[in-house]
Amino acid sequence: MTDTRLPPPGTVVRRKTARVLPVRPDGKVLLLHGWDPLRPQTPYWFTIGGGVEPGETVKQAGIRELPEEVGILLPPDQLGEPVATNEIEFEWGGCPIIQHQTFFAVGVDAVEVSFANQEQLELETISDHGWWHPDELEATGQAAHITIPNLLRQAVEEIRYREAS
C-alpha cells in the first residue's frame, strides 16, 4: 500500500529548508531521532527544521518549525543570521531529495520539548529528542548526514561568540 502523504516513489523532490540548532550553555545541541518511513530499522539523529512555504522567508520558516516540531517558541529576531548553508542529496520515503539547507543557531536555557504540534507523518517517524555534543554524536555514527557534527560545532561556536560579544 502506498502512503498518500508521500510523493510517488522515484519522484525527485527539490526543497529549500530552514534548520534550527538550539544550543544549551553546556554546548549540547538539540536533535531529533527518527527514520525514513521505508527504513524504520535504521534510525538516525537529525536537525530540527522543514521546508520553506510559498511567501515565507527562510528565517520565518525556522521560527515556524521550532514550535511545530519541538514546541519551542522564539521571537523572530532571536535566530540572528544563518551560521551555515549547504545542499545535500538523500533518499526518504522512496524519493530522491535535493535539499538546500539554511542553518540558524539559537541559544536556549532550559526548554521543555514537546511533540504535540507535529504532523501525523512526523509523529510516526520521530521517536525522541536528545541533546548532543558534536564529538559524541560523531562517535556514534548515527547522524543522518556526515555534515551534521560539524554543523553542531559551528552552532556552538556562534552562540559562544554572541554571548561573549
N, C-alpha and C. Protein backbone atom coordinates (compact mmCIF):
# COMPACT_ATOMS: atom_id res chain seq x y z
N MET A 1 0.84 -1.18 0.00
CA MET A 1 0.00 0.00 0.00
C MET A 1 0.89 1.24 0.00
N THR A 2 0.58 2.21 -0.84
CA THR A 2 1.35 3.44 -0.94
C THR A 2 0.82 4.46 0.06
N ASP A 3 1.73 5.14 0.74
CA ASP A 3 1.34 6.18 1.68
C ASP A 3 1.05 7.44 0.86
N THR A 4 -0.18 7.91 0.87
CA THR A 4 -0.58 9.06 0.06
C THR A 4 0.00 10.38 0.57
N ARG A 5 0.63 10.37 1.75
CA ARG A 5 1.25 11.59 2.26
C ARG A 5 2.64 11.79 1.66
N LEU A 6 3.16 10.78 0.97
CA LEU A 6 4.47 10.86 0.33
C LEU A 6 4.31 11.01 -1.17
N PRO A 7 5.25 11.68 -1.85
CA PRO A 7 5.20 11.74 -3.32
C PRO A 7 5.33 10.33 -3.90
N PRO A 8 4.89 10.13 -5.13
CA PRO A 8 5.05 8.81 -5.75
C PRO A 8 6.53 8.40 -5.74
N PRO A 9 6.82 7.11 -5.46
CA PRO A 9 8.22 6.66 -5.42
C PRO A 9 8.99 7.06 -6.68
N GLY A 10 10.22 7.50 -6.50
CA GLY A 10 11.06 7.89 -7.63
C GLY A 10 10.95 9.36 -7.98
N THR A 11 9.95 10.07 -7.44
CA THR A 11 9.81 11.49 -7.71
C THR A 11 11.00 12.23 -7.10
N VAL A 12 11.67 13.06 -7.88
CA VAL A 12 12.77 13.85 -7.34
C VAL A 12 12.18 15.09 -6.68
N VAL A 13 12.45 15.24 -5.40
CA VAL A 13 11.93 16.36 -4.64
C VAL A 13 13.06 17.36 -4.43
N ARG A 14 12.85 18.59 -4.85
CA ARG A 14 13.80 19.67 -4.60
C ARG A 14 13.15 20.59 -3.58
N ARG A 15 13.87 20.86 -2.51
CA ARG A 15 13.27 21.70 -1.49
C ARG A 15 14.29 22.61 -0.83
N LYS A 16 13.78 23.73 -0.36
CA LYS A 16 14.57 24.71 0.37
C LYS A 16 14.09 24.62 1.82
N THR A 17 15.03 24.44 2.75
CA THR A 17 14.64 24.27 4.14
C THR A 17 15.36 25.22 5.08
N ALA A 18 14.71 25.45 6.21
CA ALA A 18 15.31 26.17 7.34
C ALA A 18 15.56 25.12 8.41
N ARG A 19 16.77 25.10 8.96
CA ARG A 19 17.14 24.16 10.02
C ARG A 19 17.56 25.00 11.23
N VAL A 20 17.13 24.61 12.41
CA VAL A 20 17.44 25.37 13.62
C VAL A 20 18.18 24.48 14.61
N LEU A 21 19.27 25.01 15.12
CA LEU A 21 20.12 24.29 16.06
C LEU A 21 20.07 24.98 17.43
N PRO A 22 19.17 24.55 18.33
CA PRO A 22 19.14 25.11 19.68
C PRO A 22 20.35 24.64 20.47
N VAL A 23 21.08 25.57 21.08
CA VAL A 23 22.32 25.27 21.80
C VAL A 23 22.16 25.67 23.26
N ARG A 24 22.40 24.71 24.16
CA ARG A 24 22.38 24.99 25.59
C ARG A 24 23.72 25.57 26.04
N PRO A 25 23.77 26.18 27.23
CA PRO A 25 25.03 26.71 27.74
C PRO A 25 26.14 25.66 27.87
N ASP A 26 25.79 24.38 28.06
CA ASP A 26 26.81 23.34 28.18
C ASP A 26 27.35 22.87 26.82
N GLY A 27 26.91 23.53 25.72
CA GLY A 27 27.43 23.20 24.40
C GLY A 27 26.73 22.03 23.72
N LYS A 28 25.65 21.56 24.30
CA LYS A 28 24.88 20.48 23.66
C LYS A 28 23.81 21.08 22.77
N VAL A 29 23.53 20.38 21.66
CA VAL A 29 22.59 20.86 20.64
C VAL A 29 21.43 19.88 20.56
N LEU A 30 20.23 20.42 20.43
CA LEU A 30 19.02 19.61 20.36
C LEU A 30 18.84 19.01 18.97
N LEU A 31 18.68 17.68 18.93
CA LEU A 31 18.42 16.96 17.68
C LEU A 31 17.21 16.05 17.86
N LEU A 32 16.67 15.60 16.74
CA LEU A 32 15.56 14.66 16.73
C LEU A 32 16.04 13.29 16.30
N HIS A 33 15.40 12.25 16.81
CA HIS A 33 15.73 10.87 16.48
C HIS A 33 14.56 10.29 15.68
N GLY A 34 14.86 9.81 14.49
CA GLY A 34 13.79 9.27 13.66
C GLY A 34 14.33 8.40 12.55
N TRP A 35 13.49 8.16 11.54
CA TRP A 35 13.84 7.23 10.47
C TRP A 35 13.04 7.53 9.22
N ASP A 36 13.52 7.00 8.12
CA ASP A 36 12.81 7.01 6.84
C ASP A 36 11.62 6.06 7.02
N PRO A 37 10.40 6.44 6.57
CA PRO A 37 9.25 5.55 6.77
C PRO A 37 9.40 4.19 6.09
N LEU A 38 10.27 4.10 5.07
CA LEU A 38 10.51 2.81 4.41
C LEU A 38 11.67 2.04 5.03
N ARG A 39 12.37 2.66 6.00
CA ARG A 39 13.52 2.01 6.65
C ARG A 39 13.50 2.25 8.17
N PRO A 40 12.44 1.84 8.85
CA PRO A 40 12.36 2.10 10.29
C PRO A 40 13.44 1.39 11.11
N GLN A 41 14.07 0.39 10.52
CA GLN A 41 15.12 -0.36 11.23
C GLN A 41 16.45 0.40 11.26
N THR A 42 16.53 1.56 10.58
CA THR A 42 17.78 2.32 10.51
C THR A 42 17.54 3.75 11.00
N PRO A 43 17.40 3.94 12.32
CA PRO A 43 17.17 5.30 12.83
C PRO A 43 18.44 6.14 12.82
N TYR A 44 18.25 7.44 12.93
CA TYR A 44 19.36 8.40 12.93
C TYR A 44 18.94 9.66 13.65
N TRP A 45 19.93 10.51 13.94
CA TRP A 45 19.71 11.82 14.57
C TRP A 45 19.77 12.90 13.49
N PHE A 46 18.84 13.86 13.55
CA PHE A 46 18.80 14.91 12.53
C PHE A 46 18.38 16.24 13.14
N THR A 47 18.57 17.29 12.37
CA THR A 47 18.31 18.65 12.85
C THR A 47 16.83 19.01 12.74
N ILE A 48 16.42 19.94 13.57
CA ILE A 48 15.05 20.45 13.57
C ILE A 48 14.89 21.36 12.35
N GLY A 49 13.76 21.28 11.68
CA GLY A 49 13.51 22.19 10.58
C GLY A 49 12.59 21.58 9.56
N GLY A 50 12.36 22.35 8.50
CA GLY A 50 11.48 21.88 7.45
C GLY A 50 11.45 22.83 6.28
N GLY A 51 10.59 22.52 5.34
CA GLY A 51 10.51 23.26 4.09
C GLY A 51 10.01 24.68 4.26
N VAL A 52 10.55 25.55 3.41
CA VAL A 52 10.11 26.94 3.35
C VAL A 52 8.84 26.97 2.49
N GLU A 53 7.77 27.51 3.05
CA GLU A 53 6.49 27.56 2.35
C GLU A 53 6.43 28.80 1.44
N PRO A 54 5.58 28.75 0.40
CA PRO A 54 5.46 29.90 -0.51
C PRO A 54 5.15 31.19 0.27
N GLY A 55 5.87 32.27 -0.07
CA GLY A 55 5.68 33.56 0.57
C GLY A 55 6.37 33.71 1.91
N GLU A 56 7.11 32.71 2.32
CA GLU A 56 7.77 32.71 3.62
C GLU A 56 9.28 32.88 3.42
N THR A 57 9.93 33.63 4.32
CA THR A 57 11.38 33.70 4.27
C THR A 57 11.96 32.48 4.97
N VAL A 58 13.24 32.24 4.77
CA VAL A 58 13.91 31.12 5.43
C VAL A 58 13.84 31.31 6.95
N LYS A 59 14.07 32.53 7.41
CA LYS A 59 14.02 32.81 8.85
C LYS A 59 12.61 32.57 9.41
N GLN A 60 11.58 32.99 8.68
CA GLN A 60 10.20 32.75 9.12
C GLN A 60 9.91 31.25 9.20
N ALA A 61 10.45 30.49 8.25
CA ALA A 61 10.26 29.04 8.28
C ALA A 61 10.91 28.43 9.52
N GLY A 62 12.11 28.90 9.86
CA GLY A 62 12.79 28.40 11.05
C GLY A 62 12.02 28.68 12.32
N ILE A 63 11.51 29.91 12.44
CA ILE A 63 10.71 30.29 13.61
C ILE A 63 9.43 29.46 13.68
N ARG A 64 8.82 29.14 12.53
CA ARG A 64 7.59 28.32 12.49
C ARG A 64 7.88 26.87 12.84
N GLU A 65 8.99 26.34 12.33
CA GLU A 65 9.31 24.93 12.54
C GLU A 65 9.62 24.59 14.00
N LEU A 66 10.23 25.51 14.74
CA LEU A 66 10.57 25.23 16.14
C LEU A 66 9.35 24.83 16.97
N PRO A 67 8.27 25.62 16.99
CA PRO A 67 7.12 25.18 17.78
C PRO A 67 6.40 23.97 17.17
N GLU A 68 6.42 23.86 15.83
CA GLU A 68 5.76 22.71 15.20
C GLU A 68 6.46 21.40 15.54
N GLU A 69 7.77 21.39 15.51
CA GLU A 69 8.50 20.13 15.71
C GLU A 69 8.86 19.83 17.15
N VAL A 70 9.18 20.87 17.94
CA VAL A 70 9.64 20.61 19.31
C VAL A 70 9.00 21.50 20.38
N GLY A 71 8.03 22.33 20.00
CA GLY A 71 7.31 23.13 20.98
C GLY A 71 8.06 24.32 21.54
N ILE A 72 9.11 24.79 20.86
CA ILE A 72 9.88 25.94 21.34
C ILE A 72 9.42 27.20 20.61
N LEU A 73 8.97 28.19 21.39
CA LEU A 73 8.54 29.48 20.83
C LEU A 73 9.65 30.51 21.03
N LEU A 74 10.02 31.19 19.94
CA LEU A 74 11.05 32.23 20.00
C LEU A 74 10.61 33.45 19.21
N PRO A 75 11.05 34.64 19.64
CA PRO A 75 10.81 35.81 18.80
C PRO A 75 11.69 35.72 17.55
N PRO A 76 11.20 36.20 16.40
CA PRO A 76 11.95 36.07 15.14
C PRO A 76 13.36 36.63 15.19
N ASP A 77 13.60 37.70 15.93
CA ASP A 77 14.93 38.30 15.94
C ASP A 77 15.96 37.46 16.72
N GLN A 78 15.52 36.44 17.44
CA GLN A 78 16.46 35.64 18.22
C GLN A 78 17.27 34.67 17.36
N LEU A 79 16.82 34.39 16.13
CA LEU A 79 17.58 33.47 15.27
C LEU A 79 18.87 34.08 14.75
N GLY A 80 18.89 35.40 14.56
CA GLY A 80 20.10 36.02 14.01
C GLY A 80 20.32 35.62 12.56
N GLU A 81 21.56 35.76 12.13
CA GLU A 81 21.90 35.41 10.75
C GLU A 81 22.24 33.92 10.65
N PRO A 82 22.10 33.36 9.46
CA PRO A 82 22.45 31.94 9.30
C PRO A 82 23.91 31.67 9.67
N VAL A 83 24.15 30.48 10.24
CA VAL A 83 25.52 30.08 10.57
C VAL A 83 26.12 29.21 9.48
N ALA A 84 25.27 28.67 8.61
CA ALA A 84 25.77 27.82 7.53
C ALA A 84 24.65 27.57 6.51
N THR A 85 25.08 27.23 5.31
CA THR A 85 24.16 26.74 4.29
C THR A 85 24.85 25.57 3.59
N ASN A 86 24.06 24.65 3.10
CA ASN A 86 24.62 23.59 2.29
C ASN A 86 23.52 22.97 1.44
N GLU A 87 23.91 22.09 0.57
CA GLU A 87 22.95 21.34 -0.23
C GLU A 87 23.32 19.87 -0.12
N ILE A 88 22.34 19.05 0.22
CA ILE A 88 22.60 17.63 0.34
C ILE A 88 21.61 16.86 -0.53
N GLU A 89 22.00 15.65 -0.87
CA GLU A 89 21.12 14.75 -1.62
C GLU A 89 20.99 13.48 -0.81
N PHE A 90 19.75 13.01 -0.68
CA PHE A 90 19.48 11.78 0.06
C PHE A 90 18.16 11.20 -0.43
N GLU A 91 17.82 10.02 0.08
CA GLU A 91 16.54 9.42 -0.28
C GLU A 91 15.70 9.29 0.98
N TRP A 92 14.42 9.61 0.88
CA TRP A 92 13.50 9.48 2.00
C TRP A 92 12.13 9.12 1.44
N GLY A 93 11.51 8.12 1.99
CA GLY A 93 10.19 7.70 1.53
C GLY A 93 10.20 7.22 0.09
N GLY A 94 11.34 6.71 -0.37
CA GLY A 94 11.44 6.21 -1.73
C GLY A 94 11.70 7.28 -2.78
N CYS A 95 11.92 8.52 -2.35
CA CYS A 95 12.14 9.63 -3.28
C CYS A 95 13.54 10.22 -3.11
N PRO A 96 14.23 10.47 -4.21
CA PRO A 96 15.48 11.23 -4.11
C PRO A 96 15.14 12.68 -3.74
N ILE A 97 15.87 13.23 -2.78
CA ILE A 97 15.63 14.60 -2.34
C ILE A 97 16.91 15.41 -2.50
N ILE A 98 16.77 16.57 -3.13
CA ILE A 98 17.86 17.54 -3.23
C ILE A 98 17.42 18.70 -2.36
N GLN A 99 18.14 18.90 -1.27
CA GLN A 99 17.69 19.85 -0.25
C GLN A 99 18.73 20.93 -0.01
N HIS A 100 18.32 22.18 -0.26
CA HIS A 100 19.15 23.33 0.09
C HIS A 100 18.78 23.72 1.51
N GLN A 101 19.77 23.76 2.40
CA GLN A 101 19.51 23.98 3.81
C GLN A 101 20.18 25.25 4.30
N THR A 102 19.45 26.02 5.11
CA THR A 102 19.99 27.18 5.79
C THR A 102 19.88 26.91 7.27
N PHE A 103 21.01 27.00 7.98
CA PHE A 103 21.06 26.68 9.40
C PHE A 103 21.16 27.93 10.26
N PHE A 104 20.36 27.94 11.32
CA PHE A 104 20.37 29.01 12.31
C PHE A 104 20.72 28.40 13.66
N ALA A 105 21.50 29.12 14.45
CA ALA A 105 21.81 28.70 15.81
C ALA A 105 21.07 29.62 16.77
N VAL A 106 20.55 29.04 17.83
CA VAL A 106 19.86 29.85 18.83
C VAL A 106 20.25 29.34 20.21
N GLY A 107 20.63 30.26 21.08
CA GLY A 107 20.96 29.89 22.44
C GLY A 107 19.69 29.70 23.26
N VAL A 108 19.65 28.62 24.01
CA VAL A 108 18.49 28.34 24.87
C VAL A 108 19.00 27.91 26.24
N ASP A 109 18.16 28.07 27.25
CA ASP A 109 18.49 27.56 28.58
C ASP A 109 17.69 26.28 28.75
N ALA A 110 16.92 26.18 29.79
CA ALA A 110 16.08 25.00 30.00
C ALA A 110 14.83 25.16 29.13
N VAL A 111 14.61 24.22 28.24
CA VAL A 111 13.40 24.25 27.42
C VAL A 111 12.66 22.93 27.57
N GLU A 112 11.36 23.01 27.48
CA GLU A 112 10.51 21.83 27.53
C GLU A 112 10.23 21.43 26.09
N VAL A 113 10.70 20.26 25.69
CA VAL A 113 10.48 19.78 24.32
C VAL A 113 9.14 19.06 24.27
N SER A 114 8.36 19.40 23.24
CA SER A 114 7.05 18.80 23.06
C SER A 114 6.84 18.43 21.60
N PHE A 115 6.26 17.26 21.37
CA PHE A 115 5.93 16.82 20.01
C PHE A 115 4.44 17.06 19.70
N ALA A 116 3.73 17.81 20.56
CA ALA A 116 2.28 17.99 20.45
C ALA A 116 1.83 18.62 19.14
N ASN A 117 2.68 19.43 18.49
CA ASN A 117 2.27 20.13 17.27
C ASN A 117 2.79 19.47 15.98
N GLN A 118 3.36 18.29 16.10
CA GLN A 118 3.89 17.63 14.91
C GLN A 118 2.75 17.10 14.03
N GLU A 119 3.03 17.05 12.73
CA GLU A 119 2.10 16.45 11.78
C GLU A 119 2.13 14.93 11.98
N GLN A 120 1.11 14.23 11.49
CA GLN A 120 0.98 12.80 11.69
C GLN A 120 2.21 12.02 11.19
N LEU A 121 2.71 12.37 10.00
CA LEU A 121 3.88 11.65 9.46
C LEU A 121 5.10 11.85 10.35
N GLU A 122 5.25 13.04 10.93
CA GLU A 122 6.36 13.28 11.86
C GLU A 122 6.19 12.43 13.12
N LEU A 123 4.97 12.36 13.64
CA LEU A 123 4.72 11.55 14.83
C LEU A 123 5.04 10.08 14.59
N GLU A 124 4.85 9.64 13.35
CA GLU A 124 5.10 8.24 13.00
C GLU A 124 6.57 7.95 12.69
N THR A 125 7.37 8.99 12.44
CA THR A 125 8.76 8.76 12.04
C THR A 125 9.79 9.45 12.94
N ILE A 126 9.34 10.05 14.03
CA ILE A 126 10.24 10.68 15.02
C ILE A 126 9.90 10.07 16.37
N SER A 127 10.91 9.47 17.01
CA SER A 127 10.65 8.78 18.28
C SER A 127 11.12 9.54 19.51
N ASP A 128 12.09 10.45 19.35
CA ASP A 128 12.70 11.03 20.53
C ASP A 128 13.44 12.31 20.17
N HIS A 129 13.93 12.99 21.19
CA HIS A 129 14.84 14.12 21.03
C HIS A 129 16.03 13.86 21.94
N GLY A 130 17.12 14.55 21.67
CA GLY A 130 18.30 14.40 22.51
C GLY A 130 19.21 15.60 22.38
N TRP A 131 19.98 15.84 23.42
CA TRP A 131 20.95 16.93 23.44
C TRP A 131 22.32 16.31 23.22
N TRP A 132 23.03 16.79 22.21
CA TRP A 132 24.29 16.17 21.78
C TRP A 132 25.45 17.14 21.73
N HIS A 133 26.61 16.69 22.26
CA HIS A 133 27.88 17.36 21.96
C HIS A 133 28.29 16.86 20.57
N PRO A 134 28.83 17.72 19.74
CA PRO A 134 29.22 17.29 18.38
C PRO A 134 30.12 16.06 18.35
N ASP A 135 31.13 16.01 19.21
CA ASP A 135 32.06 14.87 19.21
C ASP A 135 31.35 13.57 19.59
N GLU A 136 30.43 13.64 20.55
CA GLU A 136 29.69 12.44 20.96
C GLU A 136 28.82 11.93 19.82
N LEU A 137 28.13 12.84 19.14
CA LEU A 137 27.30 12.44 18.01
C LEU A 137 28.16 11.81 16.92
N GLU A 138 29.26 12.45 16.60
CA GLU A 138 30.15 11.94 15.56
C GLU A 138 30.63 10.52 15.90
N ALA A 139 30.94 10.28 17.17
CA ALA A 139 31.43 8.97 17.60
C ALA A 139 30.39 7.86 17.43
N THR A 140 29.11 8.21 17.47
CA THR A 140 28.06 7.19 17.34
C THR A 140 27.89 6.73 15.89
N GLY A 141 28.23 7.60 14.93
CA GLY A 141 27.98 7.29 13.53
C GLY A 141 26.50 7.30 13.19
N GLN A 142 25.67 7.89 14.05
CA GLN A 142 24.22 7.86 13.84
C GLN A 142 23.63 9.19 13.39
N ALA A 143 24.48 10.12 12.92
CA ALA A 143 23.94 11.36 12.37
C ALA A 143 23.32 11.06 11.01
N ALA A 144 22.22 11.73 10.70
CA ALA A 144 21.52 11.50 9.43
C ALA A 144 22.41 11.81 8.24
N HIS A 145 23.33 12.74 8.39
CA HIS A 145 24.24 13.12 7.30
C HIS A 145 25.60 13.42 7.90
N ILE A 146 26.62 13.14 7.15
CA ILE A 146 28.01 13.30 7.61
C ILE A 146 28.34 14.74 8.02
N THR A 147 27.60 15.72 7.50
CA THR A 147 27.88 17.12 7.80
C THR A 147 27.36 17.59 9.16
N ILE A 148 26.48 16.83 9.78
CA ILE A 148 25.80 17.31 11.00
C ILE A 148 26.75 17.59 12.16
N PRO A 149 27.70 16.73 12.51
CA PRO A 149 28.57 17.08 13.65
C PRO A 149 29.30 18.42 13.47
N ASN A 150 29.79 18.71 12.27
CA ASN A 150 30.46 20.00 12.06
C ASN A 150 29.49 21.16 12.11
N LEU A 151 28.26 20.95 11.67
CA LEU A 151 27.25 22.00 11.78
C LEU A 151 26.95 22.30 13.24
N LEU A 152 26.93 21.26 14.08
CA LEU A 152 26.74 21.46 15.51
C LEU A 152 27.91 22.27 16.09
N ARG A 153 29.12 21.96 15.66
CA ARG A 153 30.29 22.72 16.14
C ARG A 153 30.17 24.19 15.77
N GLN A 154 29.75 24.47 14.53
CA GLN A 154 29.58 25.86 14.09
C GLN A 154 28.52 26.57 14.93
N ALA A 155 27.43 25.87 15.23
CA ALA A 155 26.35 26.47 16.03
C ALA A 155 26.84 26.80 17.43
N VAL A 156 27.57 25.88 18.06
CA VAL A 156 28.09 26.11 19.41
C VAL A 156 29.06 27.29 19.41
N GLU A 157 29.94 27.34 18.42
CA GLU A 157 30.90 28.46 18.32
C GLU A 157 30.17 29.79 18.14
N GLU A 158 29.14 29.80 17.31
CA GLU A 158 28.39 31.04 17.06
C GLU A 158 27.70 31.52 18.33
N ILE A 159 27.07 30.63 19.06
CA ILE A 159 26.37 31.02 20.29
C ILE A 159 27.37 31.52 21.33
N ARG A 160 28.52 30.86 21.45
CA ARG A 160 29.54 31.34 22.39
C ARG A 160 30.07 32.72 21.99
N TYR A 161 30.23 32.94 20.68
CA TYR A 161 30.68 34.24 20.18
C TYR A 161 29.65 35.32 20.50
N ARG A 162 28.37 35.03 20.24
CA ARG A 162 27.30 36.01 20.51
C ARG A 162 27.25 36.35 22.01
N GLU A 163 27.39 35.34 22.85
CA GLU A 163 27.30 35.57 24.29
C GLU A 163 28.51 36.33 24.83
N ALA A 164 29.66 36.20 24.17
CA ALA A 164 30.86 36.91 24.60
C ALA A 164 30.88 38.35 24.12
N SER A 165 30.09 38.63 23.08
CA SER A 165 30.08 39.99 22.49
C SER A 165 29.28 40.97 23.32
